[in-house]
Each structure stands twice: as C-alpha cells, then as structure tokens.
Amino acid sequence: MSDTCWLNMTFVKEDLPKFKTVLQHRMYDGKFWDEEDSDAETMDVIIYDANYGWCDEIASLADAGLTFTVSHGAGGEYGPRNYVCYKGNLVGCDADFEGTPVVQVSKEGVDKKSLDNCMKYYEVLKKIVANRG
C-alpha cells in the first residue's frame, strides 16, 4: 500500500551522479524522475508518484550531504511540504497547495515551531541561491 503525491526536486547538475547513487533503488531505465527540465547548471526533476512524499529518500539524500530543494503536494495522509537541504542540513516546512511555505496559526496564536521552520527554510534557501552564483 502506498500514499503518493507529485514531487519537484532541484539540484546542481554536477551532483547528478551522487543523486543516482543514493536513489539507485528508485531508478528506472537509468533515471529516478519522470520528467526533467534543466539548464546548464541545475536539474529540475518531477516525480509523479512519490511514495509518502519520498520522506525516506529525502532523508537519505540529506544523510549523503547533498544540496537540493524539494516541494511536494499533498497525499492522503499528509499535506504539501517544502524541504531545503544545504550540504546535508535539511529543513522542512509546511506549504500551501502552490508550494509557498506557510506558518500554522490557531486560535491560540502562531505556532512557534512552524514559524521557526519557515524562517530556517528561507535561511538555508538563501545559502543555496548564493552559492549557485
């Protein structure tokens, strides 16, 4: 049984061999993605049937010390989420259905952990953008 969603991942093209090594069990015909849209420096890949939002795969990529961004849609048991990882430093935050990070708010007020996660997400994202140059 699975709970799948779409997933979009972006990383630098020079890291593709490392991604293939970590995701070798997810590869089909030499690829782990369904479509690719890339430029000279980055890979932008889409996985349409990411089982449980590729939670385990994202953790494995972070454990390997890789740098990437991920946005995935909602599944049956979870909502949309964004991740950013810089050299293994993985941060996740809730997102809306357009992929924009969101902070949880209830009648008690702003959820501090949710706010902290969004702030960390943007801090790490700035490092990635700055290092792509």
N, C-alpha and C. Protein backbone atom coordinates (compact mmCIF):
# COMPACT_ATOMS: atom_id res chain seq x y z
N MET A 1 0.84 -1.18 0.00
CA MET A 1 0.00 0.00 0.00
C MET A 1 0.89 1.24 0.00
N SER A 2 0.45 2.26 -0.69
CA SER A 2 1.24 3.48 -0.74
C SER A 2 0.33 4.69 -0.73
N ASP A 3 0.93 5.82 -0.50
CA ASP A 3 0.25 7.10 -0.49
C ASP A 3 1.16 8.02 -1.29
N THR A 4 0.82 8.28 -2.53
CA THR A 4 1.73 9.01 -3.41
C THR A 4 1.28 10.43 -3.69
N CYS A 5 2.23 11.24 -4.10
CA CYS A 5 1.99 12.62 -4.49
C CYS A 5 3.00 12.98 -5.58
N TRP A 6 2.88 14.17 -6.14
CA TRP A 6 3.90 14.67 -7.05
C TRP A 6 5.00 15.31 -6.22
N LEU A 7 6.19 15.35 -6.78
CA LEU A 7 7.33 15.93 -6.09
C LEU A 7 8.22 16.61 -7.11
N ASN A 8 8.66 17.82 -6.80
CA ASN A 8 9.59 18.55 -7.65
C ASN A 8 10.88 18.75 -6.87
N MET A 9 12.01 18.39 -7.49
CA MET A 9 13.31 18.50 -6.83
C MET A 9 14.27 19.24 -7.76
N THR A 10 15.07 20.13 -7.17
CA THR A 10 16.07 20.88 -7.92
C THR A 10 17.42 20.72 -7.23
N PHE A 11 18.46 20.49 -8.04
CA PHE A 11 19.82 20.36 -7.52
C PHE A 11 20.80 20.70 -8.62
N VAL A 12 22.07 20.88 -8.26
CA VAL A 12 23.07 21.22 -9.27
C VAL A 12 23.40 19.98 -10.09
N LYS A 13 23.56 20.20 -11.36
CA LYS A 13 23.77 19.11 -12.31
C LYS A 13 25.01 18.29 -11.99
N GLU A 14 26.06 18.93 -11.47
CA GLU A 14 27.28 18.18 -11.16
C GLU A 14 27.08 17.13 -10.07
N ASP A 15 25.99 17.26 -9.28
CA ASP A 15 25.69 16.28 -8.23
C ASP A 15 24.86 15.10 -8.73
N LEU A 16 24.49 15.09 -10.01
CA LEU A 16 23.64 14.02 -10.53
C LEU A 16 24.19 12.62 -10.23
N PRO A 17 25.49 12.35 -10.41
CA PRO A 17 25.99 11.00 -10.08
C PRO A 17 25.75 10.62 -8.62
N LYS A 18 25.89 11.57 -7.70
CA LYS A 18 25.65 11.28 -6.29
C LYS A 18 24.17 10.99 -6.04
N PHE A 19 23.28 11.75 -6.69
CA PHE A 19 21.85 11.51 -6.55
C PHE A 19 21.50 10.12 -7.08
N LYS A 20 22.09 9.75 -8.22
CA LYS A 20 21.82 8.42 -8.78
C LYS A 20 22.30 7.31 -7.86
N THR A 21 23.42 7.53 -7.18
CA THR A 21 23.91 6.53 -6.24
C THR A 21 22.95 6.36 -5.06
N VAL A 22 22.53 7.46 -4.48
CA VAL A 22 21.63 7.40 -3.32
C VAL A 22 20.26 6.85 -3.72
N LEU A 23 19.79 7.22 -4.91
CA LEU A 23 18.44 6.84 -5.34
C LEU A 23 18.42 5.65 -6.29
N GLN A 24 19.49 4.86 -6.30
CA GLN A 24 19.58 3.77 -7.27
C GLN A 24 18.40 2.80 -7.20
N HIS A 25 17.83 2.60 -6.02
CA HIS A 25 16.67 1.71 -5.89
C HIS A 25 15.39 2.32 -6.46
N ARG A 26 15.41 3.62 -6.77
CA ARG A 26 14.26 4.30 -7.35
C ARG A 26 14.41 4.51 -8.86
N MET A 27 15.52 4.08 -9.42
CA MET A 27 15.78 4.35 -10.83
C MET A 27 15.06 3.35 -11.74
N TYR A 28 14.60 3.87 -12.87
CA TYR A 28 14.01 3.06 -13.92
C TYR A 28 14.62 3.53 -15.22
N ASP A 29 15.23 2.63 -15.92
CA ASP A 29 15.86 2.97 -17.20
C ASP A 29 16.94 4.05 -17.02
N GLY A 30 17.67 3.98 -15.90
CA GLY A 30 18.76 4.92 -15.65
C GLY A 30 18.35 6.26 -15.09
N LYS A 31 17.06 6.44 -14.82
CA LYS A 31 16.57 7.71 -14.29
C LYS A 31 15.73 7.45 -13.04
N PHE A 32 15.66 8.43 -12.16
CA PHE A 32 14.79 8.32 -11.00
C PHE A 32 13.63 9.30 -11.09
N TRP A 33 13.52 10.03 -12.19
CA TRP A 33 12.46 11.03 -12.34
C TRP A 33 11.63 10.72 -13.57
N ASP A 34 10.48 11.38 -13.64
CA ASP A 34 9.58 11.20 -14.77
C ASP A 34 9.84 12.20 -15.88
N GLU A 35 10.19 13.40 -15.51
CA GLU A 35 10.50 14.43 -16.49
C GLU A 35 11.67 15.23 -15.99
N GLU A 36 12.35 15.87 -16.89
CA GLU A 36 13.42 16.76 -16.46
C GLU A 36 13.31 18.08 -17.19
N ASP A 37 13.65 19.11 -16.50
CA ASP A 37 13.71 20.45 -17.07
C ASP A 37 14.95 21.06 -16.43
N SER A 38 15.97 21.22 -17.20
CA SER A 38 17.21 21.69 -16.60
C SER A 38 17.86 22.73 -17.49
N ASP A 39 18.82 23.41 -16.91
CA ASP A 39 19.62 24.35 -17.67
C ASP A 39 21.06 23.86 -17.60
N ALA A 40 22.00 24.72 -17.90
CA ALA A 40 23.40 24.31 -17.92
C ALA A 40 23.92 23.90 -16.54
N GLU A 41 23.32 24.44 -15.47
CA GLU A 41 23.85 24.19 -14.13
C GLU A 41 22.95 23.37 -13.22
N THR A 42 21.64 23.41 -13.42
CA THR A 42 20.75 22.75 -12.47
C THR A 42 19.86 21.70 -13.14
N MET A 43 19.45 20.75 -12.32
CA MET A 43 18.47 19.74 -12.72
C MET A 43 17.18 20.09 -11.99
N ASP A 44 16.09 20.07 -12.69
CA ASP A 44 14.77 20.29 -12.10
C ASP A 44 13.94 19.08 -12.50
N VAL A 45 13.68 18.19 -11.55
CA VAL A 45 13.03 16.92 -11.88
C VAL A 45 11.67 16.82 -11.20
N ILE A 46 10.78 16.07 -11.84
CA ILE A 46 9.44 15.85 -11.32
C ILE A 46 9.23 14.36 -11.15
N ILE A 47 8.75 13.97 -10.00
CA ILE A 47 8.37 12.59 -9.74
C ILE A 47 6.86 12.62 -9.48
N TYR A 48 6.11 11.91 -10.30
CA TYR A 48 4.65 11.97 -10.18
C TYR A 48 4.08 11.03 -9.13
N ASP A 49 4.76 9.97 -8.84
CA ASP A 49 4.27 9.00 -7.86
C ASP A 49 5.28 8.83 -6.74
N ALA A 50 5.53 9.90 -6.00
CA ALA A 50 6.48 9.86 -4.89
C ALA A 50 5.79 9.23 -3.68
N ASN A 51 6.18 8.02 -3.36
CA ASN A 51 5.58 7.29 -2.26
C ASN A 51 5.83 8.00 -0.94
N TYR A 52 4.76 8.32 -0.23
CA TYR A 52 4.83 9.05 1.05
C TYR A 52 5.71 10.30 0.96
N GLY A 53 5.60 11.00 -0.16
CA GLY A 53 6.35 12.25 -0.34
C GLY A 53 7.86 12.05 -0.36
N TRP A 54 8.29 10.80 -0.60
CA TRP A 54 9.72 10.45 -0.64
C TRP A 54 10.41 10.85 0.66
N CYS A 55 9.70 10.71 1.76
CA CYS A 55 10.26 11.07 3.06
C CYS A 55 11.59 10.36 3.32
N ASP A 56 11.63 9.06 3.10
CA ASP A 56 12.87 8.30 3.33
C ASP A 56 13.98 8.70 2.35
N GLU A 57 13.60 8.92 1.10
CA GLU A 57 14.58 9.27 0.09
C GLU A 57 15.19 10.64 0.36
N ILE A 58 14.36 11.59 0.79
CA ILE A 58 14.84 12.93 1.11
C ILE A 58 15.82 12.86 2.28
N ALA A 59 15.49 12.08 3.29
CA ALA A 59 16.40 11.91 4.43
C ALA A 59 17.72 11.26 3.99
N SER A 60 17.66 10.29 3.09
CA SER A 60 18.88 9.64 2.60
C SER A 60 19.76 10.61 1.81
N LEU A 61 19.14 11.47 1.01
CA LEU A 61 19.91 12.48 0.26
C LEU A 61 20.59 13.46 1.22
N ALA A 62 19.88 13.84 2.28
CA ALA A 62 20.47 14.74 3.28
C ALA A 62 21.61 14.03 4.00
N ASP A 63 21.41 12.76 4.37
CA ASP A 63 22.46 11.99 5.04
C ASP A 63 23.71 11.87 4.19
N ALA A 64 23.54 11.92 2.87
CA ALA A 64 24.67 11.85 1.95
C ALA A 64 25.37 13.20 1.79
N GLY A 65 24.85 14.24 2.47
CA GLY A 65 25.48 15.56 2.43
C GLY A 65 25.19 16.37 1.19
N LEU A 66 24.10 16.05 0.49
CA LEU A 66 23.79 16.74 -0.76
C LEU A 66 23.04 18.05 -0.53
N THR A 67 22.99 18.86 -1.57
CA THR A 67 22.30 20.14 -1.57
C THR A 67 21.17 20.08 -2.59
N PHE A 68 19.94 20.46 -2.17
CA PHE A 68 18.79 20.37 -3.06
C PHE A 68 17.60 21.10 -2.45
N THR A 69 16.58 21.32 -3.26
CA THR A 69 15.29 21.81 -2.78
C THR A 69 14.22 20.83 -3.24
N VAL A 70 13.16 20.71 -2.45
CA VAL A 70 12.06 19.81 -2.77
C VAL A 70 10.75 20.50 -2.40
N SER A 71 9.77 20.31 -3.25
CA SER A 71 8.40 20.72 -2.94
C SER A 71 7.52 19.55 -3.35
N HIS A 72 6.62 19.13 -2.44
CA HIS A 72 5.71 18.06 -2.84
C HIS A 72 4.29 18.40 -2.47
N GLY A 73 3.39 17.81 -3.22
CA GLY A 73 1.97 18.03 -2.99
C GLY A 73 1.45 17.20 -1.83
N ALA A 74 0.16 17.26 -1.65
CA ALA A 74 -0.49 16.52 -0.57
C ALA A 74 -0.73 15.07 -0.98
N GLY A 75 -0.63 14.20 0.00
CA GLY A 75 -1.03 12.81 -0.17
C GLY A 75 -2.29 12.59 0.64
N GLY A 76 -2.68 11.36 0.78
CA GLY A 76 -3.88 11.06 1.55
C GLY A 76 -3.69 11.25 3.04
N GLU A 77 -2.44 11.17 3.51
CA GLU A 77 -2.16 11.23 4.95
C GLU A 77 -1.31 12.42 5.36
N TYR A 78 -0.99 13.31 4.45
CA TYR A 78 -0.12 14.44 4.75
C TYR A 78 -0.40 15.58 3.78
N GLY A 79 -0.03 16.78 4.20
CA GLY A 79 -0.23 17.96 3.36
C GLY A 79 0.99 18.31 2.55
N PRO A 80 0.91 19.35 1.75
CA PRO A 80 2.05 19.80 0.97
C PRO A 80 3.19 20.22 1.88
N ARG A 81 4.41 20.05 1.40
CA ARG A 81 5.57 20.36 2.23
C ARG A 81 6.73 20.77 1.33
N ASN A 82 7.58 21.61 1.88
CA ASN A 82 8.82 22.01 1.20
C ASN A 82 10.00 21.58 2.05
N TYR A 83 11.08 21.26 1.37
CA TYR A 83 12.34 20.95 2.04
C TYR A 83 13.44 21.71 1.32
N VAL A 84 14.44 22.06 2.08
CA VAL A 84 15.65 22.62 1.52
C VAL A 84 16.80 21.98 2.28
N CYS A 85 17.83 21.62 1.55
CA CYS A 85 18.96 20.94 2.17
C CYS A 85 20.25 21.52 1.60
N TYR A 86 21.11 22.00 2.49
CA TYR A 86 22.40 22.55 2.09
C TYR A 86 23.50 21.72 2.73
N LYS A 87 24.20 20.97 1.90
CA LYS A 87 25.30 20.11 2.37
C LYS A 87 24.87 19.24 3.55
N GLY A 88 23.68 18.67 3.46
CA GLY A 88 23.19 17.76 4.49
C GLY A 88 22.36 18.40 5.58
N ASN A 89 22.31 19.73 5.63
CA ASN A 89 21.49 20.43 6.62
C ASN A 89 20.07 20.54 6.07
N LEU A 90 19.20 19.62 6.48
CA LEU A 90 17.84 19.51 5.96
C LEU A 90 16.85 20.26 6.84
N VAL A 91 16.01 21.08 6.20
CA VAL A 91 14.95 21.82 6.89
C VAL A 91 13.67 21.62 6.10
N GLY A 92 12.58 21.32 6.80
CA GLY A 92 11.29 21.17 6.16
C GLY A 92 10.28 22.13 6.75
N CYS A 93 9.32 22.53 5.94
CA CYS A 93 8.24 23.39 6.43
C CYS A 93 6.96 23.09 5.66
N ASP A 94 5.84 23.35 6.30
CA ASP A 94 4.55 23.18 5.64
C ASP A 94 4.44 24.16 4.48
N ALA A 95 3.60 23.79 3.52
CA ALA A 95 3.40 24.64 2.34
C ALA A 95 1.93 24.66 1.98
N ASP A 96 1.56 25.67 1.19
CA ASP A 96 0.20 25.66 0.66
C ASP A 96 0.19 24.84 -0.63
N PHE A 97 -0.93 24.78 -1.29
CA PHE A 97 -1.03 23.94 -2.48
C PHE A 97 -0.31 24.52 -3.70
N GLU A 98 0.21 25.72 -3.57
CA GLU A 98 1.03 26.33 -4.62
C GLU A 98 2.52 26.15 -4.32
N GLY A 99 2.86 25.58 -3.16
CA GLY A 99 4.25 25.37 -2.79
C GLY A 99 4.87 26.51 -1.99
N THR A 100 4.05 27.45 -1.56
CA THR A 100 4.54 28.56 -0.75
C THR A 100 4.60 28.14 0.71
N PRO A 101 5.74 28.33 1.40
CA PRO A 101 5.80 27.99 2.82
C PRO A 101 4.73 28.73 3.61
N VAL A 102 4.15 28.01 4.57
CA VAL A 102 3.11 28.60 5.41
C VAL A 102 3.40 28.33 6.88
N VAL A 103 2.88 29.23 7.71
CA VAL A 103 3.01 29.11 9.16
C VAL A 103 1.64 28.73 9.71
N GLN A 104 1.62 27.74 10.58
CA GLN A 104 0.37 27.32 11.18
C GLN A 104 -0.07 28.35 12.24
N VAL A 105 -1.35 28.68 12.20
CA VAL A 105 -1.93 29.62 13.15
C VAL A 105 -3.24 29.02 13.65
N SER A 106 -3.43 29.08 14.96
CA SER A 106 -4.67 28.60 15.55
C SER A 106 -5.27 29.71 16.39
N LYS A 107 -6.37 29.43 17.05
CA LYS A 107 -6.97 30.46 17.90
C LYS A 107 -6.06 30.83 19.06
N GLU A 108 -5.09 29.98 19.38
CA GLU A 108 -4.11 30.29 20.42
C GLU A 108 -2.98 31.18 19.91
N GLY A 109 -2.88 31.33 18.60
CA GLY A 109 -1.85 32.17 18.01
C GLY A 109 -0.95 31.41 17.05
N VAL A 110 0.18 32.01 16.75
CA VAL A 110 1.14 31.45 15.80
C VAL A 110 1.86 30.27 16.43
N ASP A 111 1.97 29.18 15.69
CA ASP A 111 2.73 28.02 16.14
C ASP A 111 4.21 28.33 15.99
N LYS A 112 4.91 28.45 17.11
CA LYS A 112 6.32 28.87 17.11
C LYS A 112 7.21 27.91 16.31
N LYS A 113 6.99 26.62 16.44
CA LYS A 113 7.81 25.65 15.71
C LYS A 113 7.61 25.81 14.21
N SER A 114 6.37 26.01 13.79
CA SER A 114 6.06 26.21 12.38
C SER A 114 6.74 27.48 11.86
N LEU A 115 6.68 28.56 12.63
CA LEU A 115 7.34 29.81 12.25
C LEU A 115 8.85 29.62 12.15
N ASP A 116 9.43 28.96 13.15
CA ASP A 116 10.88 28.70 13.14
C ASP A 116 11.28 27.88 11.92
N ASN A 117 10.49 26.86 11.58
CA ASN A 117 10.80 26.04 10.41
C ASN A 117 10.77 26.86 9.12
N CYS A 118 9.79 27.75 8.99
CA CYS A 118 9.73 28.60 7.79
C CYS A 118 10.92 29.55 7.73
N MET A 119 11.29 30.12 8.85
CA MET A 119 12.44 31.04 8.88
C MET A 119 13.73 30.29 8.53
N LYS A 120 13.92 29.09 9.09
CA LYS A 120 15.10 28.28 8.78
C LYS A 120 15.11 27.88 7.31
N TYR A 121 13.94 27.55 6.79
CA TYR A 121 13.81 27.19 5.37
C TYR A 121 14.38 28.30 4.49
N TYR A 122 13.95 29.52 4.76
CA TYR A 122 14.42 30.65 3.94
C TYR A 122 15.91 30.94 4.17
N GLU A 123 16.41 30.76 5.37
CA GLU A 123 17.85 30.95 5.63
C GLU A 123 18.69 29.98 4.82
N VAL A 124 18.30 28.71 4.82
CA VAL A 124 19.05 27.70 4.08
C VAL A 124 18.89 27.93 2.57
N LEU A 125 17.70 28.30 2.14
CA LEU A 125 17.47 28.58 0.72
C LEU A 125 18.38 29.71 0.24
N LYS A 126 18.57 30.74 1.05
CA LYS A 126 19.47 31.85 0.69
C LYS A 126 20.90 31.35 0.48
N LYS A 127 21.36 30.41 1.30
CA LYS A 127 22.71 29.84 1.14
C LYS A 127 22.83 29.13 -0.21
N ILE A 128 21.81 28.38 -0.56
CA ILE A 128 21.84 27.65 -1.83
C ILE A 128 21.91 28.62 -3.00
N VAL A 129 21.03 29.61 -2.98
CA VAL A 129 20.99 30.59 -4.08
C VAL A 129 22.30 31.36 -4.17
N ALA A 130 22.86 31.75 -3.03
CA ALA A 130 24.12 32.49 -3.02
C ALA A 130 25.28 31.67 -3.57
N ASN A 131 25.25 30.37 -3.35
CA ASN A 131 26.35 29.53 -3.79
C ASN A 131 26.18 29.04 -5.22
N ARG A 132 25.02 29.27 -5.84
CA ARG A 132 24.84 28.94 -7.26
C ARG A 132 25.34 30.09 -8.12
N GLY A 133 25.42 31.24 -7.49
CA GLY A 133 26.03 32.37 -8.07
C GLY A 133 25.45 33.19 -9.06
